[in-house]
Amino acid sequence: MIDLKITDASRQPVNNATVHVIHANSGDTLQVCENYECLEGDMGNYTIFHDGLMEKVSFEGEPFTVNGITEQDSFREDFVFAQNKCHVYKKSGPEIIMVD
């Protein structure tokens, strides 16, 4: 599971964000947590990708955009996710996003 931590400017977890994961090439929005147990705001952690989505990525990696909205702010970050036949992993992208 690949999680993203969202904090406010004082580094407190943001537990009320709405997060969307979009395949940058196709424009498709993934239903990341539809049939998978995910973190959705638990201590500011949000699941943004997991092994159940392995068919969405290549061995070289695929670009994705993660958009989020909180009560006070919004964000957009770029990621690259890839697979190695067993698991998905993050090739690039932030670990933590700080919003105002």
Protein backbone atom coordinates (compact mmCIF):
# COMPACT_ATOMS: atom_id res chain seq x y z
CA MET A 1 0.00 0.00 0.00
CA ILE A 2 1.28 3.47 -0.86
CA ASP A 3 0.10 6.18 1.50
CA LEU A 4 0.39 9.94 1.48
CA LYS A 5 0.47 12.00 4.67
CA ILE A 6 -1.31 15.36 4.63
CA THR A 7 -0.53 17.91 7.35
CA ASP A 8 -1.35 21.54 8.00
CA ALA A 9 1.27 24.27 8.38
CA SER A 10 1.77 23.37 12.06
CA ARG A 11 2.42 19.73 11.03
CA GLN A 12 -0.88 18.51 12.49
CA PRO A 13 -2.59 15.72 10.51
CA VAL A 14 -5.40 16.72 8.17
CA ASN A 15 -8.10 14.09 8.54
CA ASN A 16 -10.84 15.59 6.35
CA ALA A 17 -9.28 15.77 2.87
CA THR A 18 -10.88 14.50 -0.30
CA VAL A 19 -8.23 12.86 -2.48
CA HIS A 20 -8.44 11.84 -6.15
CA VAL A 21 -5.84 9.82 -8.08
CA ILE A 22 -5.82 10.46 -11.84
CA HIS A 23 -3.83 8.58 -14.50
CA ALA A 24 -1.99 11.44 -16.22
CA ASN A 25 -1.98 9.82 -19.69
CA SER A 26 -5.59 8.64 -19.88
CA GLY A 27 -7.26 11.14 -17.55
CA ASP A 28 -9.05 8.28 -15.78
CA THR A 29 -9.80 8.79 -12.09
CA LEU A 30 -9.00 5.65 -10.09
CA GLN A 31 -11.40 4.28 -7.49
CA VAL A 32 -8.52 3.49 -5.13
CA CYS A 33 -10.53 2.40 -2.11
CA GLU A 34 -13.62 1.01 -3.81
CA ASN A 35 -12.85 -2.70 -3.21
CA TYR A 36 -9.81 -2.41 -0.97
CA GLU A 37 -9.26 -1.59 2.69
CA CYS A 38 -7.56 1.81 2.73
CA LEU A 39 -6.49 4.62 4.99
CA GLU A 40 -8.77 7.57 4.43
CA GLY A 41 -7.66 10.29 6.80
CA ASP A 42 -6.48 8.16 9.70
CA MET A 43 -3.93 10.46 11.39
CA GLY A 44 -3.60 12.37 8.10
CA ASN A 45 -2.71 9.25 6.06
CA TYR A 46 -4.44 8.51 2.76
CA THR A 47 -3.95 5.44 0.56
CA ILE A 48 -3.20 6.60 -2.97
CA PHE A 49 -2.16 3.29 -4.61
CA HIS A 50 -2.03 -0.43 -3.77
CA ASP A 51 -1.33 -3.86 -5.23
CA GLY A 52 -4.95 -4.23 -6.33
CA LEU A 53 -4.22 -1.59 -8.99
CA MET A 54 -1.18 -3.40 -10.39
CA GLU A 55 -2.73 -3.73 -13.86
CA LYS A 56 -2.80 0.09 -14.12
CA VAL A 57 1.01 0.39 -14.12
CA SER A 58 3.95 -0.91 -16.15
CA PHE A 59 7.37 -2.05 -14.99
CA GLU A 60 8.82 1.28 -16.19
CA GLY A 61 6.21 3.32 -14.36
CA GLU A 62 3.13 5.39 -15.13
CA PRO A 63 2.47 9.05 -14.27
CA PHE A 64 -0.38 9.94 -11.94
CA THR A 65 -1.66 13.18 -10.47
CA VAL A 66 -3.05 13.31 -6.95
CA ASN A 67 -5.51 16.14 -6.36
CA GLY A 68 -6.78 16.96 -2.91
CA ILE A 69 -9.18 19.36 -1.26
CA THR A 70 -9.28 20.23 2.43
CA GLU A 71 -11.48 22.70 4.29
CA GLN A 72 -8.86 25.42 3.86
CA ASP A 73 -6.78 24.53 0.80
CA SER A 74 -6.26 22.35 -2.25
CA PHE A 75 -3.21 20.66 -3.72
CA ARG A 76 -1.97 18.89 -6.84
CA GLU A 77 1.11 16.63 -6.86
CA ASP A 78 2.65 14.40 -9.51
CA PHE A 79 3.67 10.80 -8.84
CA VAL A 80 5.05 7.86 -10.80
CA PHE A 81 3.95 4.37 -9.76
CA ALA A 82 5.42 1.13 -11.11
CA GLN A 83 5.22 -2.62 -10.49
CA ASN A 84 7.67 -5.50 -10.18
CA LYS A 85 5.27 -8.46 -10.79
CA CYS A 86 4.62 -8.83 -7.05
CA HIS A 87 3.94 -5.33 -5.77
CA VAL A 88 3.44 -1.74 -6.82
CA TYR A 89 5.83 0.94 -5.63
CA LYS A 90 6.33 4.67 -5.85
CA LYS A 91 9.14 5.76 -8.16
CA SER A 92 8.64 9.47 -7.52
CA GLY A 93 6.41 11.82 -5.59
CA PRO A 94 6.30 13.36 -2.12
CA GLU A 95 5.82 11.48 1.15
CA ILE A 96 4.11 14.42 2.89
CA ILE A 97 1.98 17.27 1.60
CA MET A 98 1.63 20.36 3.77
CA VAL A 99 -1.45 22.53 3.24
CA ASP A 100 -2.26 25.91 4.76
